[in-house]
C-alpha cells in the first residue's frame, strides 16, 4: 500500500507493490488525456523494473512520466528495497529526479494501438500473480542505502527531508524509527525545511527545548494544537491612540506612533516583554524621535532594529526611514537618507527580506491616488539606495493589503482596498513575486478578472483590508481579521499554501476565545509560534491592557 508520498520520495509496501506500480502513470505511460501509449516508452526499462523488484535488488534508470496536465517529463528513478527486522523486504523507497522534455507525439498508428493494448493485457496478467514471500529473503548487502552508518543517514540524507517525510521514514523499521527520534536530526530537518532565520526565532521561544523539535515540527505542520486565549497585561499606553503600528522583536511587542485626540500624530515608543512574569507596557526613553505619524509601517530587522517608514504626519504624507536599535544601551532613532525614495504614502504594506532589506508596496498618495509600486531598501548598506522593482504588469493599485514572505525570497500579496475601474472595493486577490529571479514579475494566483487568474480550490476568505497575514514555517500563509463586509466573522482563520501545484484555501477551526476584531497594523507574530492581537476596540478607544494570543503550538510557558 502506498503509505505516503512527498515530492520525489515514495514508500511502497511490498505486498501491494505491483497493483499500485503497474497501474501508475509510469507504466501506463500516458497522461490522463492521452488516447494511446507514448512512442518514447522503453519496454526494456519496464521489464527491468519488474525484474529488479522480483529479485529484490536496486533499480536505477530513466523513464518517461507525465504531469497531471498530460505534458511529458523525464524521471531518473531509483528504487531501493527496505528491510524489516527479520531480513525481509517490507517496503520499496522510490526517489525521483525530474527534468523537462519536449516530445512530438506524431501521427497515431494502428500498430501502436495494438501494441499498447497487448502490453496492457500483459501488465494486467502480471498484477494478479501473487508474490512469494521468498522474494523478500534477500541478503541485506543488496540494499546499499541501509549499509550506511547512522551518522551518514542522518546528516547526509534524512536532514534534507521535510518533517512529513521524516515521520514516514520512521514507520519503516525499528532502526529508522530510532534514528528519527533524534532531536538533533529534527532540528536539522526544521532548519532545512523552514530556514535558519525561522529556526533561530523558534529557539528563542520560552520552553521550546522542553517541547522538543519533533513535537514542534508536528504541531506547526498539522496546527493540531492551535488555540486562542485572552491575556491581561499591566502598564498603560498613554495618551490613548489608534492607527499605531506594532511589531515583534524577539519575545517583545513594540508599539510606535499612532493617531491621538484630534488626529494628533504620535511619535513615542512602548515595549511589552512577554517573557516577564507579569508583562506590562513600558515607555521607552529614546532620543531623536521621528516626526509623529499614523498609517505607517513598523518592521524588525537584524535581530533588534526597528524600522519605521512612511505614514501621515502633521505636514502630510511621509516617505522617510528611521531606525532604532532596541538593545542599545541608550536607544536613539536615526534617519536613513536612502537615495531615490518612493513617493510619500500611508496605509501601504511592508515586509522584510534576508533580515536586512525592507520591501514596501502600494498605499495611498497625497492626492488620494492608490499606488501599485514595489520598492526595496537594504538598510545595512553604508549608503542605502532605494530600488524600485520593475514589472511588466502590476496588480491593481491598493491600500490596506498584506505582504508576506515565504519560501525564502518570495512575497505574497493579499487583499486590501483595490482600484476596480472607477470604484475602490475590498479585495480577496492573491499575487506572488519571486525576488530571487533576475527579472521578478507579479503572478496572479486568484483575482477578480485578472489576466491568467485562477481560483484556488476550497472556500476562500471574503474580501477585506487591514487584515492579519501570518507566515507559517513551510511557506503557508494564515489570513484572518480586518475590515470585512457583512456578517462574516473576522476571527475565522483561512490557510493557503502558495507552494502547492494548485493552491487550496482551507478553513482552520481553532478553539478558545478569539477577539471580536483583529487588525493588521496592531497584530504581530512573536517567536514564530504566536500571533498577538493588541486590544479590543470600544468606540474610538483601544483597550491595550487586553491581548489575544493565537498560539500555534502547545503552551510551553
Foldseek 3Di string as FASTA:
>chain_A
DFDDDDDFKTKFFLQQCLVVVCPAQQNLCWEPPDDFHAPPADVVLVVVVVVCSLQQAKDWDKGWGADNVTFIKIWTKIWFFDAAPVQFGGIIMIGIDIDHDDDDRDDDDPVRRVVSVVVVVVSVVVNPDGRDSVSRNDDPVRRPVVVDDLVCCLPPPLLQDALVVLVVQLVRYVVSVVSSVDLVSLLSNLCNQFNPVLSVLLVLPPQSVVCTSNQVSVLLVVLPAWAKEKAFAAEDDPPFFPQWFWEDQAQKIKIAWGQHPPRAFGFWMWIWRPVDPGTYIDTADEAPTDAGFGLWYWAAAPRFKIWIAWGAHPVGIGGWIWIWRPPDPHIYIDTQPAAPTDAGFGQWEWDDAPRFKIKIAWGAHRVRDTGGWIWMWGRPDPRIYIDTQDAPDTPFGFGQWYWDDFDHQKIKIAWGQGDDPPHTHFWGWIWMWRPVDPRIYIDTQAGDPDVPYDDFADDGDAGFGQWAWAQARNQKIKTFFGDHPDDDQRQWIWIWRPVDPRIHIDTDDHYYDTARGAGHRQWYDHSRFKIKGAAHDDPRGGDRSMIMITGSHHDSD
